[in-house]
Amino acid sequence: QHLDGREHEISQGNVLGGGTSVNAQVYMRGRASDY
């Protein structure tokens, strides 16, 4: 509702390896302050 009623899709891996088998492969860990 806050997007004027828009719906959108969230795709997830349906494969062994999950997202790591279908993503753009960017390697990011986050920063120290996250943890």
PDB file of all heavy atoms in Angstrom:
ATOM      1  N   GLN A   1       0.814  -1.207   0.000  1.00  0.00           N
ATOM      2  CA  GLN A   1       0.000   0.000   0.000  1.00  0.00           C
ATOM      3  C   GLN A   1       0.851   1.263   0.000  1.00  0.00           C
ATOM      4  O   GLN A   1       0.489   2.270  -0.619  1.00  0.00           O
ATOM      5  CB  GLN A   1      -0.953  -0.015   1.208  1.00  0.00           C
ATOM      6  CG  GLN A   1      -1.941  -1.164   1.183  1.00  0.00           C
ATOM      7  CD  GLN A   1      -2.722  -1.268  -0.123  1.00  0.00           C
ATOM      8  OE1 GLN A   1      -3.163  -0.252  -0.661  1.00  0.00           O
ATOM      9  NE2 GLN A   1      -2.869  -2.479  -0.653  1.00  0.00           N
ATOM     10  N   HIS A   2       1.998   1.231   0.657  1.00  0.00           N
ATOM     11  CA  HIS A   2       2.860   2.419   0.680  1.00  0.00           C
ATOM     12  C   HIS A   2       3.532   2.650  -0.668  1.00  0.00           C
ATOM     13  O   HIS A   2       4.123   3.711  -0.894  1.00  0.00           O
ATOM     14  CB  HIS A   2       3.905   2.285   1.783  1.00  0.00           C
ATOM     15  CG  HIS A   2       4.940   1.223   1.529  1.00  0.00           C
ATOM     16  ND1 HIS A   2       4.643  -0.122   1.563  1.00  0.00           N
ATOM     17  CD2 HIS A   2       6.257   1.309   1.204  1.00  0.00           C
ATOM     18  CE1 HIS A   2       5.738  -0.815   1.286  1.00  0.00           C
ATOM     19  NE2 HIS A   2       6.717   0.025   1.057  1.00  0.00           N
ATOM     20  N   LEU A   3       3.451   1.655  -1.572  1.00  0.00           N
ATOM     21  CA  LEU A   3       3.957   1.801  -2.944  1.00  0.00           C
ATOM     22  C   LEU A   3       2.793   1.901  -3.924  1.00  0.00           C
ATOM     23  O   LEU A   3       2.887   1.458  -5.073  1.00  0.00           O
ATOM     24  CB  LEU A   3       4.856   0.613  -3.311  1.00  0.00           C
ATOM     25  CG  LEU A   3       6.087   0.381  -2.438  1.00  0.00           C
ATOM     26  CD1 LEU A   3       6.858  -0.838  -2.933  1.00  0.00           C
ATOM     27  CD2 LEU A   3       6.988   1.616  -2.410  1.00  0.00           C
ATOM     28  N   ASP A   4       1.703   2.458  -3.442  1.00  0.00           N
ATOM     29  CA  ASP A   4       0.506   2.663  -4.267  1.00  0.00           C
ATOM     30  C   ASP A   4      -0.067   1.350  -4.782  1.00  0.00           C
ATOM     31  O   ASP A   4      -0.587   1.275  -5.902  1.00  0.00           O
ATOM     32  CB  ASP A   4       0.820   3.602  -5.442  1.00  0.00           C
ATOM     33  CG  ASP A   4       1.333   4.961  -4.972  1.00  0.00           C
ATOM     34  OD1 ASP A   4       0.818   5.458  -3.962  1.00  0.00           O
ATOM     35  OD2 ASP A   4       2.250   5.517  -5.622  1.00  0.00           O
ATOM     36  N   GLY A   5       0.025   0.310  -3.939  1.00  0.00           N
ATOM     37  CA  GLY A   5      -0.586  -0.976  -4.264  1.00  0.00           C
ATOM     38  C   GLY A   5       0.253  -1.874  -5.158  1.00  0.00           C
ATOM     39  O   GLY A   5      -0.236  -2.934  -5.583  1.00  0.00           O
ATOM     40  N   ARG A   6       1.479  -1.486  -5.447  1.00  0.00           N
ATOM     41  CA  ARG A   6       2.338  -2.306  -6.302  1.00  0.00           C
ATOM     42  C   ARG A   6       2.606  -3.676  -5.690  1.00  0.00           C
ATOM     43  O   ARG A   6       2.738  -3.823  -4.478  1.00  0.00           O
ATOM     44  CB  ARG A   6       3.700  -1.638  -6.515  1.00  0.00           C
ATOM     45  CG  ARG A   6       3.813  -0.726  -7.693  1.00  0.00           C
ATOM     46  CD  ARG A   6       5.252  -0.263  -7.854  1.00  0.00           C
ATOM     47  NE  ARG A   6       6.121  -1.377  -8.202  1.00  0.00           N
ATOM     48  CZ  ARG A   6       7.408  -1.461  -7.862  1.00  0.00           C
ATOM     49  NH1 ARG A   6       7.970  -0.519  -7.133  1.00  0.00           N
ATOM     50  NH2 ARG A   6       8.127  -2.484  -8.247  1.00  0.00           N
ATOM     51  N   GLU A   7       2.714  -4.681  -6.554  1.00  0.00           N
ATOM     52  CA  GLU A   7       3.246  -5.982  -6.183  1.00  0.00           C
ATOM     53  C   GLU A   7       4.548  -6.178  -6.948  1.00  0.00           C
ATOM     54  O   GLU A   7       4.731  -5.632  -8.031  1.00  0.00           O
ATOM     55  CB  GLU A   7       2.265  -7.100  -6.565  1.00  0.00           C
ATOM     56  CG  GLU A   7       0.908  -6.990  -5.903  1.00  0.00           C
ATOM     57  CD  GLU A   7      -0.046  -8.063  -6.409  1.00  0.00           C
ATOM     58  OE1 GLU A   7       0.421  -9.035  -7.038  1.00  0.00           O
ATOM     59  OE2 GLU A   7      -1.262  -7.910  -6.194  1.00  0.00           O
ATOM     60  N   HIS A   8       5.454  -6.937  -6.376  1.00  0.00           N
ATOM     61  CA  HIS A   8       6.670  -7.274  -7.106  1.00  0.00           C
ATOM     62  C   HIS A   8       7.083  -8.678  -6.710  1.00  0.00           C
ATOM     63  O   HIS A   8       6.462  -9.318  -5.864  1.00  0.00           O
ATOM     64  CB  HIS A   8       7.790  -6.252  -6.866  1.00  0.00           C
ATOM     65  CG  HIS A   8       8.065  -5.944  -5.422  1.00  0.00           C
ATOM     66  ND1 HIS A   8       9.048  -6.558  -4.701  1.00  0.00           N
ATOM     67  CD2 HIS A   8       7.473  -5.060  -4.564  1.00  0.00           C
ATOM     68  CE1 HIS A   8       9.066  -6.075  -3.472  1.00  0.00           C
ATOM     69  NE2 HIS A   8       8.117  -5.174  -3.358  1.00  0.00           N
ATOM     70  N   GLU A   9       8.110  -9.184  -7.325  1.00  0.00           N
ATOM     71  CA  GLU A   9       8.545 -10.560  -7.090  1.00  0.00           C
ATOM     72  C   GLU A   9       9.901 -10.596  -6.408  1.00  0.00           C
ATOM     73  O   GLU A   9      10.763  -9.747  -6.659  1.00  0.00           O
ATOM     74  CB  GLU A   9       8.630 -11.338  -8.414  1.00  0.00           C
ATOM     75  CG  GLU A   9       7.269 -11.655  -9.021  1.00  0.00           C
ATOM     76  CD  GLU A   9       7.378 -12.425 -10.320  1.00  0.00           C
ATOM     77  OE1 GLU A   9       8.441 -12.339 -10.966  1.00  0.00           O
ATOM     78  OE2 GLU A   9       6.411 -13.114 -10.689  1.00  0.00           O
ATOM     79  N   ILE A  10      10.067 -11.592  -5.560  1.00  0.00           N
ATOM     80  CA  ILE A  10      11.368 -11.895  -4.977  1.00  0.00           C
ATOM     81  C   ILE A  10      11.750 -13.283  -5.477  1.00  0.00           C
ATOM     82  O   ILE A  10      11.087 -14.272  -5.150  1.00  0.00           O
ATOM     83  CB  ILE A  10      11.333 -11.879  -3.433  1.00  0.00           C
ATOM     84  CG1 ILE A  10      10.786 -10.540  -2.930  1.00  0.00           C
ATOM     85  CG2 ILE A  10      12.715 -12.152  -2.868  1.00  0.00           C
ATOM     86  CD1 ILE A  10      10.633 -10.475  -1.418  1.00  0.00           C
ATOM     87  N   SER A  11      12.772 -13.352  -6.301  1.00  0.00           N
ATOM     88  CA  SER A  11      13.202 -14.656  -6.808  1.00  0.00           C
ATOM     89  C   SER A  11      14.292 -15.221  -5.908  1.00  0.00           C
ATOM     90  O   SER A  11      15.134 -14.484  -5.399  1.00  0.00           O
ATOM     91  CB  SER A  11      13.705 -14.538  -8.250  1.00  0.00           C
ATOM     92  OG  SER A  11      14.784 -13.633  -8.328  1.00  0.00           O
ATOM     93  N   GLN A  12      14.244 -16.525  -5.711  1.00  0.00           N
ATOM     94  CA  GLN A  12      15.224 -17.234  -4.897  1.00  0.00           C
ATOM     95  C   GLN A  12      15.696 -18.462  -5.670  1.00  0.00           C
ATOM     96  O   GLN A  12      14.972 -19.013  -6.505  1.00  0.00           O
ATOM     97  CB  GLN A  12      14.600 -17.663  -3.558  1.00  0.00           C
ATOM     98  CG  GLN A  12      14.109 -16.507  -2.698  1.00  0.00           C
ATOM     99  CD  GLN A  12      15.229 -15.791  -1.978  1.00  0.00           C
ATOM    100  OE1 GLN A  12      15.627 -16.147  -0.879  1.00  0.00           O
ATOM    101  NE2 GLN A  12      15.761 -14.755  -2.612  1.00  0.00           N
ATOM    102  N   GLY A  13      16.906 -18.906  -5.384  1.00  0.00           N
ATOM    103  CA  GLY A  13      17.451 -20.063  -6.074  1.00  0.00           C
ATOM    104  C   GLY A  13      16.649 -21.319  -5.800  1.00  0.00           C
ATOM    105  O   GLY A  13      16.279 -21.585  -4.649  1.00  0.00           O
ATOM    106  N   ASN A  14      16.377 -22.068  -6.846  1.00  0.00           N
ATOM    107  CA  ASN A  14      15.684 -23.356  -6.734  1.00  0.00           C
ATOM    108  C   ASN A  14      16.640 -24.430  -7.247  1.00  0.00           C
ATOM    109  O   ASN A  14      16.351 -25.152  -8.200  1.00  0.00           O
ATOM    110  CB  ASN A  14      14.390 -23.329  -7.549  1.00  0.00           C
ATOM    111  CG  ASN A  14      13.542 -24.571  -7.357  1.00  0.00           C
ATOM    112  OD1 ASN A  14      13.433 -25.095  -6.249  1.00  0.00           O
ATOM    113  ND2 ASN A  14      12.941 -25.057  -8.433  1.00  0.00           N
ATOM    114  N   VAL A  15      17.794 -24.527  -6.591  1.00  0.00           N
ATOM    115  CA  VAL A  15      18.902 -25.307  -7.113  1.00  0.00           C
ATOM    116  C   VAL A  15      19.892 -25.538  -5.976  1.00  0.00           C
ATOM    117  O   VAL A  15      19.963 -24.747  -5.028  1.00  0.00           O
ATOM    118  CB  VAL A  15      19.576 -24.546  -8.285  1.00  0.00           C
ATOM    119  CG1 VAL A  15      20.048 -23.166  -7.847  1.00  0.00           C
ATOM    120  CG2 VAL A  15      20.727 -25.323  -8.894  1.00  0.00           C
ATOM    121  N   LEU A  16      20.640 -26.637  -6.051  1.00  0.00           N
ATOM    122  CA  LEU A  16      21.686 -26.869  -5.060  1.00  0.00           C
ATOM    123  C   LEU A  16      22.685 -25.711  -5.115  1.00  0.00           C
ATOM    124  O   LEU A  16      23.145 -25.326  -6.183  1.00  0.00           O
ATOM    125  CB  LEU A  16      22.406 -28.190  -5.340  1.00  0.00           C
ATOM    126  CG  LEU A  16      23.420 -28.631  -4.276  1.00  0.00           C
ATOM    127  CD1 LEU A  16      22.725 -28.954  -2.964  1.00  0.00           C
ATOM    128  CD2 LEU A  16      24.228 -29.837  -4.759  1.00  0.00           C
ATOM    129  N   GLY A  17      23.005 -25.170  -3.966  1.00  0.00           N
ATOM    130  CA  GLY A  17      23.820 -23.966  -3.893  1.00  0.00           C
ATOM    131  C   GLY A  17      22.998 -22.716  -3.679  1.00  0.00           C
ATOM    132  O   GLY A  17      23.522 -21.660  -3.326  1.00  0.00           O
ATOM    133  N   GLY A  18      21.660 -22.828  -3.896  1.00  0.00           N
ATOM    134  CA  GLY A  18      20.778 -21.700  -3.650  1.00  0.00           C
ATOM    135  C   GLY A  18      21.200 -20.469  -4.435  1.00  0.00           C
ATOM    136  O   GLY A  18      21.535 -20.538  -5.621  1.00  0.00           O
ATOM    137  N   GLY A  19      21.200 -19.328  -3.768  1.00  0.00           N
ATOM    138  CA  GLY A  19      21.560 -18.083  -4.421  1.00  0.00           C
ATOM    139  C   GLY A  19      22.948 -18.084  -5.023  1.00  0.00           C
ATOM    140  O   GLY A  19      23.192 -17.425  -6.027  1.00  0.00           O
ATOM    141  N   THR A  20      23.879 -18.836  -4.431  1.00  0.00           N
ATOM    142  CA  THR A  20      25.246 -18.837  -4.964  1.00  0.00           C
ATOM    143  C   THR A  20      25.331 -19.522  -6.322  1.00  0.00           C
ATOM    144  O   THR A  20      26.338 -19.379  -7.017  1.00  0.00           O
ATOM    145  CB  THR A  20      26.222 -19.520  -3.996  1.00  0.00           C
ATOM    146  OG1 THR A  20      25.918 -20.921  -3.882  1.00  0.00           O
ATOM    147  CG2 THR A  20      26.182 -18.881  -2.624  1.00  0.00           C
ATOM    148  N   SER A  21      24.295 -20.257  -6.708  1.00  0.00           N
ATOM    149  CA  SER A  21      24.268 -20.901  -8.022  1.00  0.00           C
ATOM    150  C   SER A  21      23.566 -20.064  -9.079  1.00  0.00           C
ATOM    151  O   SER A  21      23.635 -20.391 -10.271  1.00  0.00           O
ATOM    152  CB  SER A  21      23.582 -22.276  -7.934  1.00  0.00           C
ATOM    153  OG  SER A  21      24.380 -23.198  -7.209  1.00  0.00           O
ATOM    154  N   VAL A  22      22.881 -18.990  -8.672  1.00  0.00           N
ATOM    155  CA  VAL A  22      22.115 -18.196  -9.636  1.00  0.00           C
ATOM    156  C   VAL A  22      22.374 -16.695  -9.518  1.00  0.00           C
ATOM    157  O   VAL A  22      21.805 -15.916 -10.286  1.00  0.00           O
ATOM    158  CB  VAL A  22      20.599 -18.461  -9.496  1.00  0.00           C
ATOM    159  CG1 VAL A  22      20.256 -19.907  -9.798  1.00  0.00           C
ATOM    160  CG2 VAL A  22      20.090 -18.074  -8.101  1.00  0.00           C
ATOM    161  N   ASN A  23      23.215 -16.266  -8.585  1.00  0.00           N
ATOM    162  CA  ASN A  23      23.383 -14.827  -8.379  1.00  0.00           C
ATOM    163  C   ASN A  23      24.461 -14.250  -9.295  1.00  0.00           C
ATOM    164  O   ASN A  23      25.048 -14.955 -10.124  1.00  0.00           O
ATOM    165  CB  ASN A  23      23.693 -14.521  -6.904  1.00  0.00           C
ATOM    166  CG  ASN A  23      25.017 -15.130  -6.434  1.00  0.00           C
ATOM    167  OD1 ASN A  23      25.784 -15.703  -7.213  1.00  0.00           O
ATOM    168  ND2 ASN A  23      25.294 -15.011  -5.153  1.00  0.00           N
ATOM    169  N   ALA A  24      24.733 -12.962  -9.125  1.00  0.00           N
ATOM    170  CA  ALA A  24      25.763 -12.289  -9.922  1.00  0.00           C
ATOM    171  C   ALA A  24      27.154 -12.485  -9.344  1.00  0.00           C
ATOM    172  O   ALA A  24      28.110 -11.892  -9.827  1.00  0.00           O
ATOM    173  CB  ALA A  24      25.445 -10.804 -10.050  1.00  0.00           C
ATOM    174  N   GLN A  25      27.283 -13.294  -8.287  1.00  0.00           N
ATOM    175  CA  GLN A  25      28.546 -13.790  -7.745  1.00  0.00           C
ATOM    176  C   GLN A  25      29.384 -12.754  -7.003  1.00  0.00           C
ATOM    177  O   GLN A  25      30.558 -12.996  -6.708  1.00  0.00           O
ATOM    178  CB  GLN A  25      29.396 -14.437  -8.847  1.00  0.00           C
ATOM    179  CG  GLN A  25      28.704 -15.599  -9.532  1.00  0.00           C
ATOM    180  CD  GLN A  25      28.882 -15.576 -11.033  1.00  0.00           C
ATOM    181  OE1 GLN A  25      29.954 -15.890 -11.530  1.00  0.00           O
ATOM    182  NE2 GLN A  25      27.841 -15.188 -11.754  1.00  0.00           N
ATOM    183  N   VAL A  26      28.815 -11.571  -6.715  1.00  0.00           N
ATOM    184  CA  VAL A  26      29.579 -10.550  -5.997  1.00  0.00           C
ATOM    185  C   VAL A  26      29.954 -11.081  -4.609  1.00  0.00           C
ATOM    186  O   VAL A  26      29.103 -11.581  -3.872  1.00  0.00           O
ATOM    187  CB  VAL A  26      28.775  -9.246  -5.862  1.00  0.00           C
ATOM    188  CG1 VAL A  26      29.531  -8.224  -5.024  1.00  0.00           C
ATOM    189  CG2 VAL A  26      28.476  -8.674  -7.250  1.00  0.00           C
ATOM    190  N   TYR A  27      31.237 -10.968  -4.275  1.00  0.00           N
ATOM    191  CA  TYR A  27      31.715 -11.446  -2.971  1.00  0.00           C
ATOM    192  C   TYR A  27      31.818 -10.252  -2.017  1.00  0.00           C
ATOM    193  O   TYR A  27      32.709  -9.413  -2.128  1.00  0.00           O
ATOM    194  CB  TYR A  27      33.078 -12.123  -3.103  1.00  0.00           C
ATOM    195  CG  TYR A  27      33.609 -12.628  -1.769  1.00  0.00           C
ATOM    196  CD1 TYR A  27      33.046 -13.750  -1.162  1.00  0.00           C
ATOM    197  CD2 TYR A  27      34.649 -11.980  -1.113  1.00  0.00           C
ATOM    198  CE1 TYR A  27      33.509 -14.208   0.060  1.00  0.00           C
ATOM    199  CE2 TYR A  27      35.136 -12.445   0.104  1.00  0.00           C
ATOM    200  CZ  TYR A  27      34.551 -13.550   0.689  1.00  0.00           C
ATOM    201  OH  TYR A  27      35.016 -14.001   1.902  1.00  0.00           O
ATOM    202  N   MET A  28      30.877 -10.188  -1.084  1.00  0.00           N
ATOM    203  CA  MET A  28      30.856  -9.133  -0.075  1.00  0.00           C
ATOM    204  C   MET A  28      30.553  -9.760   1.274  1.00  0.00           C
ATOM    205  O   MET A  28      29.684 -10.616   1.384  1.00  0.00           O
ATOM    206  CB  MET A  28      29.776  -8.098  -0.391  1.00  0.00           C
ATOM    207  CG  MET A  28      30.102  -7.156  -1.539  1.00  0.00           C
ATOM    208  SD  MET A  28      31.471  -6.056  -1.186  1.00  0.00           S
ATOM    209  CE  MET A  28      30.947  -5.346   0.359  1.00  0.00           C
ATOM    210  N   ARG A  29      31.278  -9.304   2.298  1.00  0.00           N
ATOM    211  CA  ARG A  29      31.064  -9.864   3.634  1.00  0.00           C
ATOM    212  C   ARG A  29      30.302  -8.927   4.553  1.00  0.00           C
ATOM    213  O   ARG A  29      29.843  -9.334   5.618  1.00  0.00           O
ATOM    214  CB  ARG A  29      32.424 -10.185   4.262  1.00  0.00           C
ATOM    215  CG  ARG A  29      33.244 -11.154   3.448  1.00  0.00           C
ATOM    216  CD  ARG A  29      34.569 -11.490   4.078  1.00  0.00           C
ATOM    217  NE  ARG A  29      35.345 -10.329   4.455  1.00  0.00           N
ATOM    218  CZ  ARG A  29      36.672 -10.318   4.527  1.00  0.00           C
ATOM    219  NH1 ARG A  29      37.361 -11.415   4.227  1.00  0.00           N
ATOM    220  NH2 ARG A  29      37.321  -9.241   4.902  1.00  0.00           N
ATOM    221  N   GLY A  30      30.189  -7.645   4.167  1.00  0.00           N
ATOM    222  CA  GLY A  30      29.700  -6.659   5.114  1.00  0.00           C
ATOM    223  C   GLY A  30      30.875  -6.064   5.858  1.00  0.00           C
ATOM    224  O   GLY A  30      32.028  -6.388   5.604  1.00  0.00           O
ATOM    225  N   ARG A  31      30.575  -5.183   6.772  1.00  0.00           N
ATOM    226  CA  ARG A  31      31.644  -4.483   7.489  1.00  0.00           C
ATOM    227  C   ARG A  31      31.688  -4.905   8.955  1.00  0.00           C
ATOM    228  O   ARG A  31      30.729  -5.501   9.470  1.00  0.00           O
ATOM    229  CB  ARG A  31      31.456  -2.979   7.362  1.00  0.00           C
ATOM    230  CG  ARG A  31      30.095  -2.481   7.796  1.00  0.00           C
ATOM    231  CD  ARG A  31      29.796  -1.129   7.165  1.00  0.00           C
ATOM    232  NE  ARG A  31      28.548  -0.555   7.634  1.00  0.00           N
ATOM    233  CZ  ARG A  31      27.814   0.295   6.923  1.00  0.00           C
ATOM    234  NH1 ARG A  31      28.200   0.655   5.716  1.00  0.00           N
ATOM    235  NH2 ARG A  31      26.695   0.803   7.419  1.00  0.00           N
ATOM    236  N   ALA A  32      32.770  -4.602   9.611  1.00  0.00           N
ATOM    237  CA  ALA A  32      32.967  -5.045  10.993  1.00  0.00           C
ATOM    238  C   ALA A  32      31.824  -4.587  11.898  1.00  0.00           C
ATOM    239  O   ALA A  32      31.381  -5.323  12.785  1.00  0.00           O
ATOM    240  CB  ALA A  32      34.309  -4.527  11.513  1.00  0.00           C
ATOM    241  N   SER A  33      31.334  -3.364  11.678  1.00  0.00           N
ATOM    242  CA  SER A  33      30.284  -2.831  12.550  1.00  0.00           C
ATOM    243  C   SER A  33      28.984  -3.626  12.449  1.00  0.00           C
ATOM    244  O   SER A  33      28.190  -3.640  13.400  1.00  0.00           O
ATOM    245  CB  SER A  33      30.015  -1.361  12.220  1.00  0.00           C
ATOM    246  OG  SER A  33      29.582  -1.207  10.881  1.00  0.00           O
ATOM    247  N   ASP A  34      28.750  -4.309  11.306  1.00  0.00           N
ATOM    248  CA  ASP A  34      27.551  -5.155  11.192  1.00  0.00           C
ATOM    249  C   ASP A  34      27.547  -6.225  12.273  1.00  0.00           C
ATOM    250  O   ASP A  34      26.532  -6.462  12.937  1.00  0.00           O
ATOM    251  CB  ASP A  34      27.502  -5.849   9.825  1.00  0.00           C
ATOM    252  CG  ASP A  34      27.303  -4.898   8.672  1.00  0.00           C
ATOM    253  OD1 ASP A  34      26.714  -3.818   8.880  1.00  0.00           O
ATOM    254  OD2 ASP A  34      27.736  -5.223   7.549  1.00  0.00           O
ATOM    255  N   TYR A  35      28.668  -6.875  12.428  1.00  0.00           N
ATOM    256  CA  TYR A  35      28.749  -8.009  13.350  1.00  0.00           C
ATOM    257  C   TYR A  35      28.951  -7.546  14.785  1.00  0.00           C
ATOM    258  O   TYR A  35      28.491  -8.211  15.725  1.00  0.00           O
ATOM    259  CB  TYR A  35      29.853  -8.955  12.878  1.00  0.00           C
ATOM    260  CG  TYR A  35      29.596  -9.383  11.448  1.00  0.00           C
ATOM    261  CD1 TYR A  35      30.256  -8.771  10.384  1.00  0.00           C
ATOM    262  CD2 TYR A  35      28.616 -10.325  11.160  1.00  0.00           C
ATOM    263  CE1 TYR A  35      29.972  -9.118   9.073  1.00  0.00           C
ATOM    264  CE2 TYR A  35      28.322 -10.677   9.853  1.00  0.00           C
ATOM    265  CZ  TYR A  35      29.005 -10.073   8.809  1.00  0.00           C
ATOM    266  OH  TYR A  35      28.705 -10.408   7.509  1.00  0.00           O
TER     267      TYR A  35
END
